Amino acid sequence: MDRLLGNELFLRLLSLALAVLIYLQVVGQPTAGNVQRTLVGVPVRAVGLPSALAVRSIRPASVAVTVSGSAKVINELNPLRVLASVDLTEAVAGTAAYYVQVSVPPGVQPLSATPADVQVTAQPIIERESPVDIHVTGTPASGFGVTGPVAPANLVVALRGPASNVDQVNQVVASVSVEGARAAVTSQVTLQAEDRTGAVVADVLVVPASISVTVPVGPVQPQKAVLVDPNLQGIPAPGYRLVSITVTPPAVEVLAPAGTLSGVGSVTTQPVALSGSKGNVEATVLVVEPPGVTAVDPTSV
């Protein structure tokens, strides 16, 4: 032993071994003053997923993460800065177990994730075509209706998304409102992929996302133009007289059943008061619909 202690090389090797042993003991023990904290319900994110795949499920969807660090750092730790993820770079369609990786802020040491592995089900992204159903909603103005086919007709669009989602699509719908319309309605409409219950199916891309739809709206009864005879009430002030009457527009379109329409030669208005006037009188008044008339257009002059 004395000979070994007198050997310089032996002393160097012994010193190195002791240093390594001390280092391992220090690293293996929690730092004085360190505390641990377990964060429950940390969501598991999928990263690196190939573009041809979509994640259908991650089970469980969250894990418990235990971290350590100084009491100050751990007590002030924002749970949102602790992230759990699975690397799906090499994923293929199907279900497989993936190791949960934990990312933490500086000064925090991750100890464990529970469970350490999660089951991820990946499915392929697919595409298929679907016809578009154009739904006309609302009621046109009285005497008006949809008078022809809606354009475009026989339109087909593409659907793209996770296979299970695309398979849920029962119809692609474009909804156009003609509420109160007296003429053709043209609208840029967003297309919606719906299931059999009419609910929108999530994560399905419709290409194109919107289309221009035209719904022809026109009179559904005979119509003709008749003059407007304003209903003037009262007389001007003494020394003044009525010089002229101007109606804008001078005529309106009247819609009515054929038998009624033939008997309508003109229409009148709500009263226009002239009593005591000493200058021009201007008024916007409603047109009075004769009995049996369905509608007049415009409704005021």
Protein backbone atom coordinates (compact mmCIF):
# COMPACT_ATOMS: atom_id res chain seq x y z
CA MET A 1 0.00 0.00 0.00
CA ASP A 2 2.86 2.39 0.86
CA ARG A 3 4.32 1.74 -2.58
CA LEU A 4 0.94 2.57 -4.21
CA LEU A 5 0.56 5.75 -2.19
CA GLY A 6 3.99 6.76 -3.32
CA ASN A 7 3.05 6.17 -6.99
CA GLU A 8 2.11 9.49 -8.61
CA LEU A 9 -0.05 7.89 -11.35
CA PHE A 10 -1.98 5.89 -8.76
CA LEU A 11 -2.66 9.03 -6.73
CA ARG A 12 -3.97 10.84 -9.80
CA LEU A 13 -6.33 8.00 -10.70
CA LEU A 14 -7.52 7.76 -7.09
CA SER A 15 -8.20 11.50 -6.99
CA LEU A 16 -10.18 11.30 -10.23
CA ALA A 17 -12.28 8.40 -8.95
CA LEU A 18 -13.07 10.22 -5.71
CA ALA A 19 -14.05 13.35 -7.62
CA VAL A 20 -16.42 11.38 -9.86
CA LEU A 21 -17.96 9.65 -6.84
CA ILE A 22 -18.56 12.93 -5.07
CA TYR A 23 -20.11 14.46 -8.22
CA LEU A 24 -22.49 11.55 -8.65
CA GLN A 25 -23.58 11.78 -5.04
CA VAL A 26 -24.25 15.50 -5.34
CA VAL A 27 -26.20 15.19 -8.59
CA GLY A 28 -28.18 12.26 -7.29
CA GLN A 29 -29.42 14.20 -4.28
CA PRO A 30 -31.96 16.99 -4.49
CA THR A 31 -30.36 20.39 -4.08
CA ALA A 32 -30.77 21.82 -0.62
CA GLY A 33 -33.88 23.96 -0.48
CA ASN A 34 -35.46 22.42 -3.61
CA VAL A 35 -39.15 21.54 -3.60
CA GLN A 36 -41.32 19.42 -5.82
CA ARG A 37 -44.67 20.23 -7.37
CA THR A 38 -47.08 18.05 -9.36
CA LEU A 39 -49.22 19.73 -11.99
CA VAL A 40 -52.34 17.75 -12.83
CA GLY A 41 -54.17 17.92 -16.16
CA VAL A 42 -51.35 19.12 -18.40
CA PRO A 43 -52.69 18.69 -21.98
CA VAL A 44 -50.67 16.46 -24.31
CA ARG A 45 -49.89 18.10 -27.65
CA ALA A 46 -49.00 16.33 -30.87
CA VAL A 47 -45.96 17.72 -32.70
CA GLY A 48 -44.29 16.78 -35.97
CA LEU A 49 -47.38 15.12 -37.44
CA PRO A 50 -46.98 14.28 -41.16
CA SER A 51 -49.26 16.36 -43.41
CA ALA A 52 -51.01 13.24 -44.72
CA LEU A 53 -52.24 12.31 -41.22
CA ALA A 54 -54.55 13.73 -38.58
CA VAL A 55 -54.80 12.91 -34.88
CA ARG A 56 -58.10 11.29 -34.05
CA SER A 57 -57.45 10.81 -30.32
CA ILE A 58 -54.82 11.01 -27.58
CA ARG A 59 -55.61 8.85 -24.55
CA PRO A 60 -55.30 10.06 -21.93
CA ALA A 61 -55.51 13.60 -23.26
CA SER A 62 -53.64 15.01 -20.25
CA VAL A 63 -50.96 13.91 -17.81
CA ALA A 64 -49.65 14.81 -14.37
CA VAL A 65 -46.18 16.40 -14.49
CA THR A 66 -43.89 16.53 -11.47
CA VAL A 67 -41.19 19.21 -11.43
CA SER A 68 -38.63 20.45 -8.93
CA GLY A 69 -36.67 23.62 -8.28
CA SER A 70 -36.12 26.28 -5.69
CA ALA A 71 -39.13 27.09 -3.56
CA LYS A 72 -39.36 30.60 -5.04
CA VAL A 73 -39.25 29.39 -8.65
CA ILE A 74 -41.69 26.53 -8.10
CA ASN A 75 -44.18 28.65 -6.15
CA GLU A 76 -44.19 31.30 -8.89
CA LEU A 77 -44.31 28.76 -11.74
CA ASN A 78 -47.09 29.43 -14.26
CA PRO A 79 -48.61 26.00 -15.04
CA LEU A 80 -49.21 27.11 -18.64
CA ARG A 81 -45.42 27.15 -19.19
CA VAL A 82 -45.15 23.44 -18.47
CA LEU A 83 -45.76 21.62 -21.75
CA ALA A 84 -46.28 17.95 -22.51
CA SER A 85 -45.96 16.64 -26.05
CA VAL A 86 -45.55 13.53 -28.17
CA ASP A 87 -43.34 13.48 -31.27
CA LEU A 88 -45.31 12.01 -34.18
CA THR A 89 -42.67 12.58 -36.85
CA GLU A 90 -42.51 8.84 -37.59
CA ALA A 91 -46.23 8.19 -37.05
CA VAL A 92 -48.33 6.03 -39.38
CA ALA A 93 -52.09 5.46 -39.52
CA GLY A 94 -53.28 3.42 -36.55
CA THR A 95 -52.87 3.39 -32.77
CA ALA A 96 -49.50 3.32 -31.00
CA ALA A 97 -47.91 4.29 -27.68
CA TYR A 98 -45.73 7.42 -27.59
CA TYR A 99 -43.40 8.67 -24.87
CA VAL A 100 -44.48 11.96 -23.28
CA GLN A 101 -41.83 14.67 -23.46
CA VAL A 102 -41.95 17.51 -20.94
CA SER A 103 -40.72 21.06 -21.53
CA VAL A 104 -40.26 23.45 -18.60
CA PRO A 105 -38.98 27.02 -18.09
CA PRO A 106 -35.39 27.76 -17.05
CA GLY A 107 -34.69 26.98 -13.38
CA VAL A 108 -37.23 24.15 -13.32
CA GLN A 109 -36.27 20.48 -13.57
CA PRO A 110 -38.78 17.96 -14.97
CA LEU A 111 -38.91 14.79 -12.90
CA SER A 112 -41.69 12.69 -14.39
CA ALA A 113 -44.91 12.55 -16.41
CA THR A 114 -47.70 10.23 -15.29
CA PRO A 115 -48.45 8.26 -17.32
CA ALA A 116 -45.14 8.28 -19.14
CA ASP A 117 -46.74 7.03 -22.40
CA VAL A 118 -50.04 7.82 -24.12
CA GLN A 119 -51.98 6.04 -26.86
CA VAL A 120 -52.26 8.10 -30.05
CA THR A 121 -54.60 7.16 -32.89
CA ALA A 122 -53.68 8.72 -36.23
CA GLN A 123 -55.82 8.57 -39.33
CA PRO A 124 -55.23 9.51 -42.97
CA ILE A 125 -56.34 12.78 -44.54
CA ILE A 126 -58.71 12.00 -47.42
CA GLU A 127 -60.48 13.91 -50.19
CA ARG A 128 -63.80 13.32 -51.92
CA GLU A 129 -66.35 15.24 -53.94
CA SER A 130 -69.84 16.28 -52.87
CA PRO A 131 -72.76 18.03 -54.60
CA VAL A 132 -73.99 21.33 -53.16
CA ASP A 133 -77.58 21.71 -51.92
CA ILE A 134 -78.75 25.32 -52.18
CA HIS A 135 -81.34 26.09 -49.49
CA VAL A 136 -83.54 29.13 -50.14
CA THR A 137 -84.87 30.56 -46.88
CA GLY A 138 -87.25 33.38 -46.03
CA THR A 139 -90.35 34.70 -47.83
CA PRO A 140 -90.25 37.27 -50.66
CA ALA A 141 -92.43 40.38 -50.53
CA SER A 142 -96.15 39.89 -50.89
CA GLY A 143 -97.00 38.99 -54.48
CA PHE A 144 -93.44 37.88 -55.25
CA GLY A 145 -91.83 34.47 -55.34
CA VAL A 146 -88.95 32.43 -56.71
CA THR A 147 -89.59 32.43 -60.46
CA GLY A 148 -86.92 30.13 -61.84
CA PRO A 149 -84.03 27.76 -61.16
CA VAL A 150 -81.35 28.80 -58.69
CA ALA A 151 -77.82 29.25 -60.08
CA PRO A 152 -75.36 27.63 -60.08
CA ALA A 153 -76.96 24.24 -60.67
CA ASN A 154 -75.36 20.81 -60.24
CA LEU A 155 -72.31 22.28 -58.49
CA VAL A 156 -69.77 19.81 -57.07
CA VAL A 157 -67.11 20.77 -54.48
CA ALA A 158 -64.18 18.99 -52.84
CA LEU A 159 -64.03 17.90 -49.20
CA ARG A 160 -60.70 17.42 -47.42
CA GLY A 161 -60.08 16.33 -43.83
CA PRO A 162 -59.58 13.42 -41.42
CA ALA A 163 -61.21 10.26 -42.78
CA SER A 164 -63.63 9.87 -39.86
CA ASN A 165 -64.79 13.49 -40.19
CA VAL A 166 -65.21 13.43 -43.97
CA ASP A 167 -67.21 10.21 -43.65
CA GLN A 168 -69.70 12.06 -41.41
CA VAL A 169 -70.56 14.62 -44.11
CA ASN A 170 -74.06 14.02 -45.45
CA GLN A 171 -74.45 17.21 -47.48
CA VAL A 172 -72.79 20.50 -48.35
CA VAL A 173 -75.22 23.37 -47.94
CA ALA A 174 -75.40 26.94 -49.25
CA SER A 175 -78.20 28.96 -47.60
CA VAL A 176 -79.61 32.10 -49.26
CA SER A 177 -82.30 34.31 -47.73
CA VAL A 178 -84.92 35.96 -49.97
CA GLU A 179 -86.81 37.55 -47.06
CA GLY A 180 -88.77 40.57 -48.38
CA ALA A 181 -87.14 40.38 -51.82
CA ARG A 182 -88.82 41.96 -54.88
CA ALA A 183 -86.05 41.15 -57.34
CA ALA A 184 -83.36 38.54 -57.93
CA VAL A 185 -81.07 37.97 -54.94
CA THR A 186 -77.35 37.40 -55.55
CA SER A 187 -75.24 36.54 -52.52
CA GLN A 188 -71.74 35.23 -51.72
CA VAL A 189 -72.47 32.26 -49.50
CA THR A 190 -70.15 30.25 -47.24
CA LEU A 191 -70.47 26.51 -47.81
CA GLN A 192 -71.05 24.28 -44.79
CA ALA A 193 -70.39 20.55 -44.53
CA GLU A 194 -73.21 19.06 -42.43
CA ASP A 195 -73.96 15.64 -40.99
CA ARG A 196 -77.35 13.86 -41.07
CA THR A 197 -78.66 15.98 -38.18
CA GLY A 198 -77.74 19.26 -39.86
CA ALA A 199 -74.80 19.95 -37.53
CA VAL A 200 -71.61 21.35 -39.05
CA VAL A 201 -68.84 18.72 -39.24
CA ALA A 202 -65.61 20.03 -37.71
CA ASP A 203 -62.18 19.98 -39.35
CA VAL A 204 -63.50 19.42 -42.89
CA LEU A 205 -62.24 21.86 -45.53
CA VAL A 206 -64.66 22.68 -48.35
CA VAL A 207 -63.05 23.81 -51.63
CA PRO A 208 -64.11 26.37 -52.69
CA ALA A 209 -65.12 27.73 -49.31
CA SER A 210 -67.83 30.01 -50.74
CA ILE A 211 -69.80 30.48 -53.95
CA SER A 212 -71.97 33.18 -55.54
CA VAL A 213 -75.63 32.13 -55.65
CA THR A 214 -78.42 33.85 -57.59
CA VAL A 215 -82.08 33.24 -56.76
CA PRO A 216 -84.51 34.71 -59.33
CA VAL A 217 -87.36 36.55 -57.60
CA GLY A 218 -90.25 38.22 -59.42
CA PRO A 219 -94.00 38.80 -59.38
CA VAL A 220 -96.12 35.71 -59.10
CA GLN A 221 -99.31 37.60 -60.08
CA PRO A 222 -100.14 39.87 -63.03
CA GLN A 223 -98.97 43.44 -62.67
CA LYS A 224 -99.34 46.75 -64.44
CA ALA A 225 -98.27 50.38 -64.03
CA VAL A 226 -100.94 52.86 -62.88
CA LEU A 227 -100.75 56.59 -62.16
CA VAL A 228 -100.65 57.96 -58.63
CA ASP A 229 -103.41 60.44 -57.72
CA PRO A 230 -102.25 62.14 -54.50
CA ASN A 231 -104.81 62.72 -51.74
CA LEU A 232 -104.59 66.49 -51.15
CA GLN A 233 -106.29 67.79 -48.01
CA GLY A 234 -107.25 71.44 -47.32
CA ILE A 235 -106.61 74.64 -49.24
CA PRO A 236 -103.71 77.15 -49.26
CA ALA A 237 -103.78 80.37 -47.23
CA PRO A 238 -105.94 83.29 -48.49
CA GLY A 239 -104.34 84.91 -51.51
CA TYR A 240 -102.54 81.67 -52.52
CA ARG A 241 -103.60 78.94 -54.93
CA LEU A 242 -102.43 75.54 -56.06
CA VAL A 243 -100.29 75.97 -59.17
CA SER A 244 -99.00 72.47 -59.95
CA ILE A 245 -98.64 68.94 -58.58
CA THR A 246 -95.56 66.77 -59.16
CA VAL A 247 -95.51 63.08 -58.11
CA THR A 248 -92.21 61.14 -58.08
CA PRO A 249 -92.46 58.54 -59.42
CA PRO A 250 -95.67 59.38 -61.29
CA ALA A 251 -96.72 55.70 -61.51
CA VAL A 252 -96.35 52.50 -59.50
CA GLU A 253 -96.52 48.80 -60.33
CA VAL A 254 -99.65 47.11 -59.01
CA LEU A 255 -99.83 43.35 -58.39
CA ALA A 256 -103.22 41.70 -58.15
CA PRO A 257 -105.26 38.76 -59.43
CA ALA A 258 -106.26 39.27 -63.07
CA GLY A 259 -109.90 40.03 -62.26
CA THR A 260 -108.94 42.69 -59.70
CA LEU A 261 -106.10 44.19 -61.72
CA SER A 262 -108.35 45.03 -64.69
CA GLY A 263 -110.43 47.32 -62.47
CA VAL A 264 -107.52 49.33 -61.07
CA GLY A 265 -106.98 52.52 -63.07
CA SER A 266 -104.99 54.54 -60.51
CA VAL A 267 -103.97 54.57 -56.87
CA THR A 268 -104.12 57.26 -54.23
CA THR A 269 -101.92 58.12 -51.27
CA GLN A 270 -102.16 58.95 -47.63
CA PRO A 271 -103.29 62.57 -47.08
CA VAL A 272 -101.02 65.48 -48.00
CA ALA A 273 -101.97 68.58 -45.94
CA LEU A 274 -102.19 71.90 -47.83
CA SER A 275 -104.24 73.85 -45.27
CA GLY A 276 -102.91 77.38 -44.79
CA SER A 277 -99.78 76.82 -46.87
CA LYS A 278 -97.98 79.85 -48.33
CA GLY A 279 -95.23 78.03 -50.25
CA ASN A 280 -94.25 74.73 -51.75
CA VAL A 281 -95.36 71.64 -49.83
CA GLU A 282 -93.18 68.53 -50.04
CA ALA A 283 -94.13 65.20 -48.43
CA THR A 284 -93.25 61.52 -48.72
CA VAL A 285 -96.38 59.44 -48.27
CA LEU A 286 -97.39 55.80 -48.54
CA VAL A 287 -99.37 54.57 -51.52
CA VAL A 288 -102.77 53.19 -50.52
CA GLU A 289 -103.40 49.72 -51.92
CA PRO A 290 -106.86 49.37 -53.49
CA PRO A 291 -109.02 46.48 -52.19
CA GLY A 292 -107.88 43.13 -53.56
CA VAL A 293 -104.43 44.38 -54.59
CA THR A 294 -101.56 42.19 -53.39
CA ALA A 295 -98.75 44.75 -53.52
CA VAL A 296 -97.58 48.04 -55.00
CA ASP A 297 -94.02 48.92 -55.93
CA PRO A 298 -92.68 51.31 -54.77
CA THR A 299 -94.72 51.55 -51.59
CA SER A 300 -94.28 55.33 -51.17
CA VAL A 301 -94.04 58.44 -53.41
